[in-house]
Amino acid sequence: MTTLEPGYKRDPDYYSAYGFTLTQTEEREGAPVIFDVPAPEMRIHVTAYWWSRSMYADCATKAGFSDVAWFDTAVSDQGLAEYGRAYWDAYLASPVAAILTATA
């Protein structure tokens, strides 16, 4: 599954260079996180919810899954060619999305 990266940067403007902001006003499991793309041509406002990695792993295990694993975020060759490595440095240091796998 793909989910909000539990370790994302809490500074709402950290991701503004990538065209969006994330705002979380509470530090607790299940806290709302507002994902906002302020561009006039593509206005997006979504509420996600923050869960820790341990909560995801615990829930997956209790649901009968095993081999729970997180994968590191990577940039495609096309993304590197188009924007360069330096552009992605801040995002890769603290990505927004995470991929979790588990075996049923």
PDB file of N, CA and C in Angstrom:
ATOM      1  N   MET A   1       0.833  -1.171   0.000  1.00  0.00           N
ATOM      2  CA  MET A   1       0.000   0.000   0.000  1.00  0.00           C
ATOM      3  C   MET A   1       0.876   1.231   0.000  1.00  0.00           C
ATOM      4  N   THR A   2       0.312   2.329  -0.439  1.00  0.00           N
ATOM      5  CA  THR A   2       0.976   3.621  -0.385  1.00  0.00           C
ATOM      6  C   THR A   2       0.249   4.462   0.650  1.00  0.00           C
ATOM      7  N   THR A   3       1.024   5.132   1.482  1.00  0.00           N
ATOM      8  CA  THR A   3       0.431   5.931   2.548  1.00  0.00           C
ATOM      9  C   THR A   3       1.287   7.161   2.821  1.00  0.00           C
ATOM     10  N   LEU A   4       0.801   8.021   3.663  1.00  0.00           N
ATOM     11  CA  LEU A   4       1.572   9.172   4.121  1.00  0.00           C
ATOM     12  C   LEU A   4       2.800   8.653   4.859  1.00  0.00           C
ATOM     13  N   GLU A   5       3.965   9.150   4.515  1.00  0.00           N
ATOM     14  CA  GLU A   5       5.202   8.752   5.200  1.00  0.00           C
ATOM     15  C   GLU A   5       5.148   9.262   6.637  1.00  0.00           C
ATOM     16  N   PRO A   6       5.161   8.360   7.616  1.00  0.00           N
ATOM     17  CA  PRO A   6       5.052   8.791   9.011  1.00  0.00           C
ATOM     18  C   PRO A   6       6.143   9.770   9.449  1.00  0.00           C
ATOM     19  N   GLY A   7       7.301   9.748   8.806  1.00  0.00           N
ATOM     20  CA  GLY A   7       8.391  10.639   9.187  1.00  0.00           C
ATOM     21  C   GLY A   7       8.499  11.897   8.354  1.00  0.00           C
ATOM     22  N   TYR A   8       7.420  12.273   7.677  1.00  0.00           N
ATOM     23  CA  TYR A   8       7.494  13.469   6.830  1.00  0.00           C
ATOM     24  C   TYR A   8       7.817  14.698   7.678  1.00  0.00           C
ATOM     25  N   LYS A   9       8.337  15.769   7.040  1.00  0.00           N
ATOM     26  CA  LYS A   9       8.687  17.013   7.739  1.00  0.00           C
ATOM     27  C   LYS A   9       7.426  17.738   8.172  1.00  0.00           C
ATOM     28  N   ARG A  10       7.391  18.160   9.422  1.00  0.00           N
ATOM     29  CA  ARG A  10       6.206  18.831   9.965  1.00  0.00           C
ATOM     30  C   ARG A  10       6.137  20.315   9.609  1.00  0.00           C
ATOM     31  N   ASP A  11       7.196  20.897   9.081  1.00  0.00           N
ATOM     32  CA  ASP A  11       7.164  22.300   8.649  1.00  0.00           C
ATOM     33  C   ASP A  11       6.222  22.406   7.456  1.00  0.00           C
ATOM     34  N   PRO A  12       5.105  23.136   7.589  1.00  0.00           N
ATOM     35  CA  PRO A  12       4.108  23.184   6.504  1.00  0.00           C
ATOM     36  C   PRO A  12       4.676  23.642   5.155  1.00  0.00           C
ATOM     37  N   ASP A  13       5.736  24.446   5.166  1.00  0.00           N
ATOM     38  CA  ASP A  13       6.294  24.962   3.917  1.00  0.00           C
ATOM     39  C   ASP A  13       7.455  24.135   3.369  1.00  0.00           C
ATOM     40  N   TYR A  14       7.822  23.072   4.040  1.00  0.00           N
ATOM     41  CA  TYR A  14       8.978  22.271   3.620  1.00  0.00           C
ATOM     42  C   TYR A  14       8.842  21.789   2.178  1.00  0.00           C
ATOM     43  N   TYR A  15       7.639  21.437   1.762  1.00  0.00           N
ATOM     44  CA  TYR A  15       7.415  20.868   0.428  1.00  0.00           C
ATOM     45  C   TYR A  15       6.924  21.899  -0.597  1.00  0.00           C
ATOM     46  N   SER A  16       6.940  23.155  -0.249  1.00  0.00           N
ATOM     47  CA  SER A  16       6.398  24.180  -1.152  1.00  0.00           C
ATOM     48  C   SER A  16       7.153  24.239  -2.482  1.00  0.00           C
ATOM     49  N   ALA A  17       8.434  23.900  -2.493  1.00  0.00           N
ATOM     50  CA  ALA A  17       9.192  23.876  -3.756  1.00  0.00           C
ATOM     51  C   ALA A  17       8.639  22.825  -4.718  1.00  0.00           C
ATOM     52  N   TYR A  18       7.891  21.857  -4.184  1.00  0.00           N
ATOM     53  CA  TYR A  18       7.303  20.790  -4.993  1.00  0.00           C
ATOM     54  C   TYR A  18       5.834  21.065  -5.303  1.00  0.00           C
ATOM     55  N   GLY A  19       5.345  22.237  -4.892  1.00  0.00           N
ATOM     56  CA  GLY A  19       3.998  22.665  -5.264  1.00  0.00           C
ATOM     57  C   GLY A  19       2.898  22.336  -4.281  1.00  0.00           C
ATOM     58  N   PHE A  20       3.239  21.928  -3.048  1.00  0.00           N
ATOM     59  CA  PHE A  20       2.194  21.617  -2.072  1.00  0.00           C
ATOM     60  C   PHE A  20       2.675  21.883  -0.656  1.00  0.00           C
ATOM     61  N   THR A  21       1.728  21.914   0.259  1.00  0.00           N
ATOM     62  CA  THR A  21       2.033  22.041   1.679  1.00  0.00           C
ATOM     63  C   THR A  21       1.327  20.918   2.443  1.00  0.00           C
ATOM     64  N   LEU A  22       1.871  20.598   3.603  1.00  0.00           N
ATOM     65  CA  LEU A  22       1.256  19.640   4.523  1.00  0.00           C
ATOM     66  C   LEU A  22       1.148  20.317   5.878  1.00  0.00           C
ATOM     67  N   THR A  23      -0.022  20.241   6.486  1.00  0.00           N
ATOM     68  CA  THR A  23      -0.220  20.862   7.790  1.00  0.00           C
ATOM     69  C   THR A  23      -0.825  19.855   8.756  1.00  0.00           C
ATOM     70  N   GLN A  24      -0.122  19.651   9.867  1.00  0.00           N
ATOM     71  CA  GLN A  24      -0.594  18.766  10.930  1.00  0.00           C
ATOM     72  C   GLN A  24      -0.517  19.561  12.228  1.00  0.00           C
ATOM     73  N   THR A  25      -1.636  19.770  12.890  1.00  0.00           N
ATOM     74  CA  THR A  25      -1.653  20.606  14.087  1.00  0.00           C
ATOM     75  C   THR A  25      -1.583  19.820  15.391  1.00  0.00           C
ATOM     76  N   GLU A  26      -1.711  18.496  15.318  1.00  0.00           N
ATOM     77  CA  GLU A  26      -1.656  17.663  16.513  1.00  0.00           C
ATOM     78  C   GLU A  26      -0.629  16.550  16.325  1.00  0.00           C
ATOM     79  N   GLU A  27       0.041  16.164  17.416  1.00  0.00           N
ATOM     80  CA  GLU A  27       0.985  15.049  17.377  1.00  0.00           C
ATOM     81  C   GLU A  27       0.356  13.867  18.105  1.00  0.00           C
ATOM     82  N   ARG A  28      -0.415  13.087  17.363  1.00  0.00           N
ATOM     83  CA  ARG A  28      -1.057  11.902  17.934  1.00  0.00           C
ATOM     84  C   ARG A  28      -1.417  10.954  16.807  1.00  0.00           C
ATOM     85  N   GLU A  29      -1.590   9.670  17.137  1.00  0.00           N
ATOM     86  CA  GLU A  29      -2.043   8.702  16.145  1.00  0.00           C
ATOM     87  C   GLU A  29      -3.400   9.147  15.610  1.00  0.00           C
ATOM     88  N   GLY A  30      -3.560   9.108  14.300  1.00  0.00           N
ATOM     89  CA  GLY A  30      -4.824   9.473  13.678  1.00  0.00           C
ATOM     90  C   GLY A  30      -5.039  10.964  13.495  1.00  0.00           C
ATOM     91  N   ALA A  31      -4.015  11.778  13.772  1.00  0.00           N
ATOM     92  CA  ALA A  31      -4.156  13.230  13.620  1.00  0.00           C
ATOM     93  C   ALA A  31      -4.370  13.590  12.150  1.00  0.00           C
ATOM     94  N   PRO A  32      -5.275  14.538  11.872  1.00  0.00           N
ATOM     95  CA  PRO A  32      -5.483  14.957  10.482  1.00  0.00           C
ATOM     96  C   PRO A  32      -4.266  15.708   9.938  1.00  0.00           C
ATOM     97  N   VAL A  33      -3.989  15.462   8.672  1.00  0.00           N
ATOM     98  CA  VAL A  33      -2.910  16.136   7.955  1.00  0.00           C
ATOM     99  C   VAL A  33      -3.534  16.703   6.677  1.00  0.00           C
ATOM    100  N   ILE A  34      -3.437  18.005   6.513  1.00  0.00           N
ATOM    101  CA  ILE A  34      -4.028  18.665   5.341  1.00  0.00           C
ATOM    102  C   ILE A  34      -2.974  18.774   4.242  1.00  0.00           C
ATOM    103  N   PHE A  35      -3.278  18.161   3.109  1.00  0.00           N
ATOM    104  CA  PHE A  35      -2.449  18.231   1.906  1.00  0.00           C
ATOM    105  C   PHE A  35      -3.095  19.267   1.010  1.00  0.00           C
ATOM    106  N   ASP A  36      -2.338  20.312   0.668  1.00  0.00           N
ATOM    107  CA  ASP A  36      -2.915  21.416  -0.086  1.00  0.00           C
ATOM    108  C   ASP A  36      -2.024  21.786  -1.267  1.00  0.00           C
ATOM    109  N   VAL A  37      -2.608  21.780  -2.474  1.00  0.00           N
ATOM    110  CA  VAL A  37      -1.943  22.271  -3.679  1.00  0.00           C
ATOM    111  C   VAL A  37      -2.611  23.598  -4.005  1.00  0.00           C
ATOM    112  N   PRO A  38      -1.905  24.711  -3.766  1.00  0.00           N
ATOM    113  CA  PRO A  38      -2.538  26.021  -3.925  1.00  0.00           C
ATOM    114  C   PRO A  38      -2.584  26.565  -5.352  1.00  0.00           C
ATOM    115  N   ALA A  39      -2.077  25.837  -6.333  1.00  0.00           N
ATOM    116  CA  ALA A  39      -2.040  26.338  -7.708  1.00  0.00           C
ATOM    117  C   ALA A  39      -3.449  26.573  -8.243  1.00  0.00           C
ATOM    118  N   PRO A  40      -3.718  27.745  -8.810  1.00  0.00           N
ATOM    119  CA  PRO A  40      -5.061  28.042  -9.321  1.00  0.00           C
ATOM    120  C   PRO A  40      -5.549  27.064 -10.384  1.00  0.00           C
ATOM    121  N   GLU A  41      -4.633  26.543 -11.192  1.00  0.00           N
ATOM    122  CA  GLU A  41      -5.039  25.633 -12.271  1.00  0.00           C
ATOM    123  C   GLU A  41      -5.304  24.207 -11.782  1.00  0.00           C
ATOM    124  N   MET A  42      -4.907  23.900 -10.539  1.00  0.00           N
ATOM    125  CA  MET A  42      -5.120  22.550 -10.018  1.00  0.00           C
ATOM    126  C   MET A  42      -5.255  22.621  -8.494  1.00  0.00           C
ATOM    127  N   ARG A  43      -6.305  23.209  -8.021  1.00  0.00           N
ATOM    128  CA  ARG A  43      -6.528  23.363  -6.577  1.00  0.00           C
ATOM    129  C   ARG A  43      -6.926  22.023  -5.981  1.00  0.00           C
ATOM    130  N   ILE A  44      -6.117  21.528  -5.027  1.00  0.00           N
ATOM    131  CA  ILE A  44      -6.401  20.267  -4.355  1.00  0.00           C
ATOM    132  C   ILE A  44      -6.291  20.493  -2.854  1.00  0.00           C
ATOM    133  N   HIS A  45      -7.253  19.975  -2.128  1.00  0.00           N
ATOM    134  CA  HIS A  45      -7.271  20.084  -0.670  1.00  0.00           C
ATOM    135  C   HIS A  45      -7.773  18.748  -0.132  1.00  0.00           C
ATOM    136  N   VAL A  46      -6.869  17.965   0.464  1.00  0.00           N
ATOM    137  CA  VAL A  46      -7.194  16.618   0.921  1.00  0.00           C
ATOM    138  C   VAL A  46      -6.801  16.467   2.390  1.00  0.00           C
ATOM    139  N   THR A  47      -7.626  15.771   3.145  1.00  0.00           N
ATOM    140  CA  THR A  47      -7.275  15.448   4.520  1.00  0.00           C
ATOM    141  C   THR A  47      -6.845  13.991   4.590  1.00  0.00           C
ATOM    142  N   ALA A  48      -5.617  13.778   5.055  1.00  0.00           N
ATOM    143  CA  ALA A  48      -5.090  12.433   5.317  1.00  0.00           C
ATOM    144  C   ALA A  48      -4.984  12.303   6.833  1.00  0.00           C
ATOM    145  N   TYR A  49      -4.547  11.165   7.306  1.00  0.00           N
ATOM    146  CA  TYR A  49      -4.424  10.961   8.751  1.00  0.00           C
ATOM    147  C   TYR A  49      -3.069  10.341   9.052  1.00  0.00           C
ATOM    148  N   TRP A  50      -2.419  10.856  10.094  1.00  0.00           N
ATOM    149  CA  TRP A  50      -1.076  10.412  10.444  1.00  0.00           C
ATOM    150  C   TRP A  50      -1.127   9.207  11.363  1.00  0.00           C
ATOM    151  N   TRP A  51      -0.422   8.157  10.964  1.00  0.00           N
ATOM    152  CA  TRP A  51      -0.243   6.968  11.785  1.00  0.00           C
ATOM    153  C   TRP A  51       1.235   6.643  11.801  1.00  0.00           C
ATOM    154  N   SER A  52       1.752   6.176  12.921  1.00  0.00           N
ATOM    155  CA  SER A  52       3.165   5.828  13.042  1.00  0.00           C
ATOM    156  C   SER A  52       3.451   4.517  12.297  1.00  0.00           C
ATOM    157  N   ARG A  53       4.711   4.307  11.994  1.00  0.00           N
ATOM    158  CA  ARG A  53       5.106   3.046  11.349  1.00  0.00           C
ATOM    159  C   ARG A  53       4.759   1.863  12.245  1.00  0.00           C
ATOM    160  N   SER A  54       4.959   2.019  13.543  1.00  0.00           N
ATOM    161  CA  SER A  54       4.654   0.911  14.455  1.00  0.00           C
ATOM    162  C   SER A  54       3.159   0.599  14.463  1.00  0.00           C
ATOM    163  N   MET A  55       2.307   1.606  14.323  1.00  0.00           N
ATOM    164  CA  MET A  55       0.863   1.369  14.272  1.00  0.00           C
ATOM    165  C   MET A  55       0.495   0.597  13.008  1.00  0.00           C
ATOM    166  N   TYR A  56       1.063   1.003  11.850  1.00  0.00           N
ATOM    167  CA  TYR A  56       0.805   0.265  10.610  1.00  0.00           C
ATOM    168  C   TYR A  56       1.252  -1.191  10.737  1.00  0.00           C
ATOM    169  N   ALA A  57       2.452  -1.394  11.249  1.00  0.00           N
ATOM    170  CA  ALA A  57       2.984  -2.750  11.378  1.00  0.00           C
ATOM    171  C   ALA A  57       2.139  -3.580  12.340  1.00  0.00           C
ATOM    172  N   ASP A  58       1.754  -2.992  13.462  1.00  0.00           N
ATOM    173  CA  ASP A  58       0.935  -3.702  14.448  1.00  0.00           C
ATOM    174  C   ASP A  58      -0.417  -4.097  13.847  1.00  0.00           C
ATOM    175  N   CYS A  59      -1.046  -3.173  13.149  1.00  0.00           N
ATOM    176  CA  CYS A  59      -2.353  -3.463  12.532  1.00  0.00           C
ATOM    177  C   CYS A  59      -2.232  -4.543  11.456  1.00  0.00           C
ATOM    178  N   ALA A  60      -1.183  -4.471  10.642  1.00  0.00           N
ATOM    179  CA  ALA A  60      -0.988  -5.480   9.598  1.00  0.00           C
ATOM    180  C   ALA A  60      -0.775  -6.859  10.216  1.00  0.00           C
ATOM    181  N   THR A  61       0.029  -6.915  11.265  1.00  0.00           N
ATOM    182  CA  THR A  61       0.298  -8.190  11.940  1.00  0.00           C
ATOM    183  C   THR A  61      -0.971  -8.744  12.582  1.00  0.00           C
ATOM    184  N   LYS A  62      -1.720  -7.886  13.256  1.00  0.00           N
ATOM    185  CA  LYS A  62      -2.968  -8.334  13.892  1.00  0.00           C
ATOM    186  C   LYS A  62      -3.996  -8.795  12.861  1.00  0.00           C
ATOM    187  N   ALA A  63      -3.907  -8.266  11.636  1.00  0.00           N
ATOM    188  CA  ALA A  63      -4.832  -8.663  10.571  1.00  0.00           C
ATOM    189  C   ALA A  63      -4.375  -9.947   9.872  1.00  0.00           C
ATOM    190  N   GLY A  64      -3.242 -10.506  10.324  1.00  0.00           N
ATOM    191  CA  GLY A  64      -2.786 -11.767   9.758  1.00  0.00           C
ATOM    192  C   GLY A  64      -1.694 -11.646   8.710  1.00  0.00           C
ATOM    193  N   PHE A  65      -1.175 -10.462   8.493  1.00  0.00           N
ATOM    194  CA  PHE A  65      -0.104 -10.284   7.520  1.00  0.00           C
ATOM    195  C   PHE A  65       1.245 -10.542   8.179  1.00  0.00           C
ATOM    196  N   SER A  66       2.219 -10.908   7.367  1.00  0.00           N
ATOM    197  CA  SER A  66       3.585 -11.099   7.855  1.00  0.00           C
ATOM    198  C   SER A  66       4.542 -10.395   6.898  1.00  0.00           C
ATOM    199  N   ASP A  67       5.812 -10.448   7.214  1.00  0.00           N
ATOM    200  CA  ASP A  67       6.845  -9.839   6.368  1.00  0.00           C
ATOM    201  C   ASP A  67       6.529  -8.375   6.057  1.00  0.00           C
ATOM    202  N   VAL A  68       6.131  -7.618   7.068  1.00  0.00           N
ATOM    203  CA  VAL A  68       5.830  -6.194   6.895  1.00  0.00           C
ATOM    204  C   VAL A  68       7.139  -5.458   6.620  1.00  0.00           C
ATOM    205  N   ALA A  69       7.188  -4.685   5.524  1.00  0.00           N
ATOM    206  CA  ALA A  69       8.413  -3.981   5.147  1.00  0.00           C
ATOM    207  C   ALA A  69       8.086  -2.619   4.530  1.00  0.00           C
ATOM    208  N   TRP A  70       8.951  -1.660   4.775  1.00  0.00           N
ATOM    209  CA  TRP A  70       8.841  -0.318   4.195  1.00  0.00           C
ATOM    210  C   TRP A  70       9.898  -0.173   3.111  1.00  0.00           C
ATOM    211  N   PHE A  71       9.558   0.485   2.015  1.00  0.00           N
ATOM    212  CA  PHE A  71      10.493   0.708   0.928  1.00  0.00           C
ATOM    213  C   PHE A  71      10.876   2.180   0.854  1.00  0.00           C
ATOM    214  N   ASP A  72      12.162   2.420   0.575  1.00  0.00           N
ATOM    215  CA  ASP A  72      12.647   3.792   0.450  1.00  0.00           C
ATOM    216  C   ASP A  72      12.111   4.433  -0.826  1.00  0.00           C
ATOM    217  N   THR A  73      11.857   5.718  -0.739  1.00  0.00           N
ATOM    218  CA  THR A  73      11.413   6.485  -1.900  1.00  0.00           C
ATOM    219  C   THR A  73      12.595   6.707  -2.836  1.00  0.00           C
ATOM    220  N   ALA A  74      12.342   6.615  -4.122  1.00  0.00           N
ATOM    221  CA  ALA A  74      13.372   6.842  -5.129  1.00  0.00           C
ATOM    222  C   ALA A  74      12.798   7.731  -6.229  1.00  0.00           C
ATOM    223  N   VAL A  75      13.673   8.358  -6.973  1.00  0.00           N
ATOM    224  CA  VAL A  75      13.263   9.207  -8.095  1.00  0.00           C
ATOM    225  C   VAL A  75      13.579   8.466  -9.386  1.00  0.00           C
ATOM    226  N   SER A  76      12.661   8.520 -10.328  1.00  0.00           N
ATOM    227  CA  SER A  76      12.873   7.854 -11.616  1.00  0.00           C
ATOM    228  C   SER A  76      14.000   8.532 -12.393  1.00  0.00           C
ATOM    229  N   ASP A  77      14.547   7.803 -13.353  1.00  0.00           N
ATOM    230  CA  ASP A  77      15.574   8.377 -14.224  1.00  0.00           C
ATOM    231  C   ASP A  77      15.023   9.594 -14.957  1.00  0.00           C
ATOM    232  N   GLN A  78      13.754   9.531 -15.349  1.00  0.00           N
ATOM    233  CA  GLN A  78      13.128  10.653 -16.044  1.00  0.00           C
ATOM    234  C   GLN A  78      13.065  11.881 -15.130  1.00  0.00           C
ATOM    235  N   GLY A  79      12.684  11.686 -13.868  1.00  0.00           N
ATOM    236  CA  GLY A  79      12.628  12.793 -12.920  1.00  0.00           C
ATOM    237  C   GLY A  79      13.993  13.408 -12.682  1.00  0.00           C
ATOM    238  N   LEU A  80      15.028  12.559 -12.593  1.00  0.00           N
ATOM    239  CA  LEU A  80      16.393  13.065 -12.425  1.00  0.00           C
ATOM    240  C   LEU A  80      16.850  13.845 -13.648  1.00  0.00           C
ATOM    241  N   ALA A  81      16.542  13.324 -14.833  1.00  0.00           N
ATOM    242  CA  ALA A  81      16.946  13.997 -16.068  1.00  0.00           C
ATOM    243  C   ALA A  81      16.245  15.344 -16.223  1.00  0.00           C
ATOM    244  N   GLU A  82      14.970  15.389 -15.852  1.00  0.00           N
ATOM    245  CA  GLU A  82      14.191  16.614 -16.042  1.00  0.00           C
ATOM    246  C   GLU A  82      14.518  17.703 -15.025  1.00  0.00           C
ATOM    247  N   TYR A  83      14.737  17.319 -13.767  1.00  0.00           N
ATOM    248  CA  TYR A  83      14.914  18.318 -12.710  1.00  0.00           C
ATOM    249  C   TYR A  83      16.301  18.325 -12.080  1.00  0.00           C
ATOM    250  N   GLY A  84      17.075  17.273 -12.241  1.00  0.00           N
ATOM    251  CA  GLY A  84      18.402  17.190 -11.631  1.00  0.00           C
ATOM    252  C   GLY A  84      18.335  16.650 -10.212  1.00  0.00           C
ATOM    253  N   ARG A  85      19.452  16.110  -9.735  1.00  0.00           N
ATOM    254  CA  ARG A  85      19.530  15.500  -8.405  1.00  0.00           C
ATOM    255  C   ARG A  85      19.269  16.523  -7.289  1.00  0.00           C
ATOM    256  N   ALA A  86      19.824  17.708  -7.387  1.00  0.00           N
ATOM    257  CA  ALA A  86      19.697  18.713  -6.317  1.00  0.00           C
ATOM    258  C   ALA A  86      18.235  19.068  -6.032  1.00  0.00           C
ATOM    259  N   TYR A  87      17.411  19.100  -7.073  1.00  0.00           N
ATOM    260  CA  TYR A  87      15.994  19.407  -6.899  1.00  0.00           C
ATOM    261  C   TYR A  87      15.331  18.420  -5.946  1.00  0.00           C
ATOM    262  N   TRP A  88      15.708  17.169  -6.012  1.00  0.00           N
ATOM    263  CA  TRP A  88      15.055  16.104  -5.240  1.00  0.00           C
ATOM    264  C   TRP A  88      15.647  15.894  -3.854  1.00  0.00           C
ATOM    265  N   ASP A  89      16.773  16.507  -3.546  1.00  0.00           N
ATOM    266  CA  ASP A  89      17.461  16.243  -2.282  1.00  0.00           C
ATOM    267  C   ASP A  89      16.566  16.419  -1.059  1.00  0.00           C
ATOM    268  N   ALA A  90      15.869  17.536  -0.950  1.00  0.00           N
ATOM    269  CA  ALA A  90      15.020  17.795   0.227  1.00  0.00           C
ATOM    270  C   ALA A  90      13.872  16.783   0.294  1.00  0.00           C
ATOM    271  N   TYR A  91      13.281  16.474  -0.856  1.00  0.00           N
ATOM    272  CA  TYR A  91      12.173  15.514  -0.859  1.00  0.00           C
ATOM    273  C   TYR A  91      12.653  14.127  -0.428  1.00  0.00           C
ATOM    274  N   LEU A  92      13.764  13.677  -0.972  1.00  0.00           N
ATOM    275  CA  LEU A  92      14.270  12.350  -0.634  1.00  0.00           C
ATOM    276  C   LEU A  92      14.725  12.274   0.825  1.00  0.00           C
ATOM    277  N   ALA A  93      15.151  13.397   1.385  1.00  0.00           N
ATOM    278  CA  ALA A  93      15.539  13.427   2.794  1.00  0.00           C
ATOM    279  C   ALA A  93      14.327  13.234   3.696  1.00  0.00           C
ATOM    280  N   SER A  94      13.157  13.654   3.221  1.00  0.00           N
ATOM    281  CA  SER A  94      11.927  13.520   3.999  1.00  0.00           C
ATOM    282  C   SER A  94      10.734  13.423   3.051  1.00  0.00           C
ATOM    283  N   PRO A  95      10.535  12.249   2.443  1.00  0.00           N
ATOM    284  CA  PRO A  95       9.447  12.095   1.473  1.00  0.00           C
ATOM    285  C   PRO A  95       8.064  12.156   2.126  1.00  0.00           C
ATOM    286  N   VAL A  96       7.063  12.390   1.311  1.00  0.00           N
ATOM    287  CA  VAL A  96       5.680  12.476   1.778  1.00  0.00           C
ATOM    288  C   VAL A  96       4.990  11.118   1.720  1.00  0.00           C
ATOM    289  N   ALA A  97       5.288  10.350   0.714  1.00  0.00           N
ATOM    290  CA  ALA A  97       4.621   9.062   0.525  1.00  0.00           C
ATOM    291  C   ALA A  97       5.560   7.922   0.920  1.00  0.00           C
ATOM    292  N   ALA A  98       4.946   6.827   1.368  1.00  0.00           N
ATOM    293  CA  ALA A  98       5.703   5.632   1.732  1.00  0.00           C
ATOM    294  C   ALA A  98       4.983   4.414   1.174  1.00  0.00           C
ATOM    295  N   ILE A  99       5.757   3.399   0.884  1.00  0.00           N
ATOM    296  CA  ILE A  99       5.186   2.131   0.409  1.00  0.00           C
ATOM    297  C   ILE A  99       5.443   1.076   1.464  1.00  0.00           C
ATOM    298  N   LEU A 100       4.369   0.416   1.868  1.00  0.00           N
ATOM    299  CA  LEU A 100       4.410  -0.651   2.854  1.00  0.00           C
ATOM    300  C   LEU A 100       3.952  -1.933   2.173  1.00  0.00           C
ATOM    301  N   THR A 101       4.712  -2.988   2.331  1.00  0.00           N
ATOM    302  CA  THR A 101       4.287  -4.288   1.788  1.00  0.00           C
ATOM    303  C   THR A 101       4.144  -5.285   2.929  1.00  0.00           C
ATOM    304  N   ALA A 102       3.313  -6.263   2.711  1.00  0.00           N
ATOM    305  CA  ALA A 102       3.101  -7.330   3.694  1.00  0.00           C
ATOM    306  C   ALA A 102       2.570  -8.550   2.942  1.00  0.00           C
ATOM    307  N   THR A 103       2.775  -9.693   3.518  1.00  0.00           N
ATOM    308  CA  THR A 103       2.349 -10.949   2.907  1.00  0.00           C
ATOM    309  C   THR A 103       1.153 -11.521   3.639  1.00  0.00           C
ATOM    310  N   ALA A 104       0.134 -11.924   2.869  1.00  0.00           N
ATOM    311  CA  ALA A 104      -1.071 -12.502   3.478  1.00  0.00           C
ATOM    312  C   ALA A 104      -0.891 -13.985   3.695  1.00  0.00           C
TER     313      ALA A 104
END
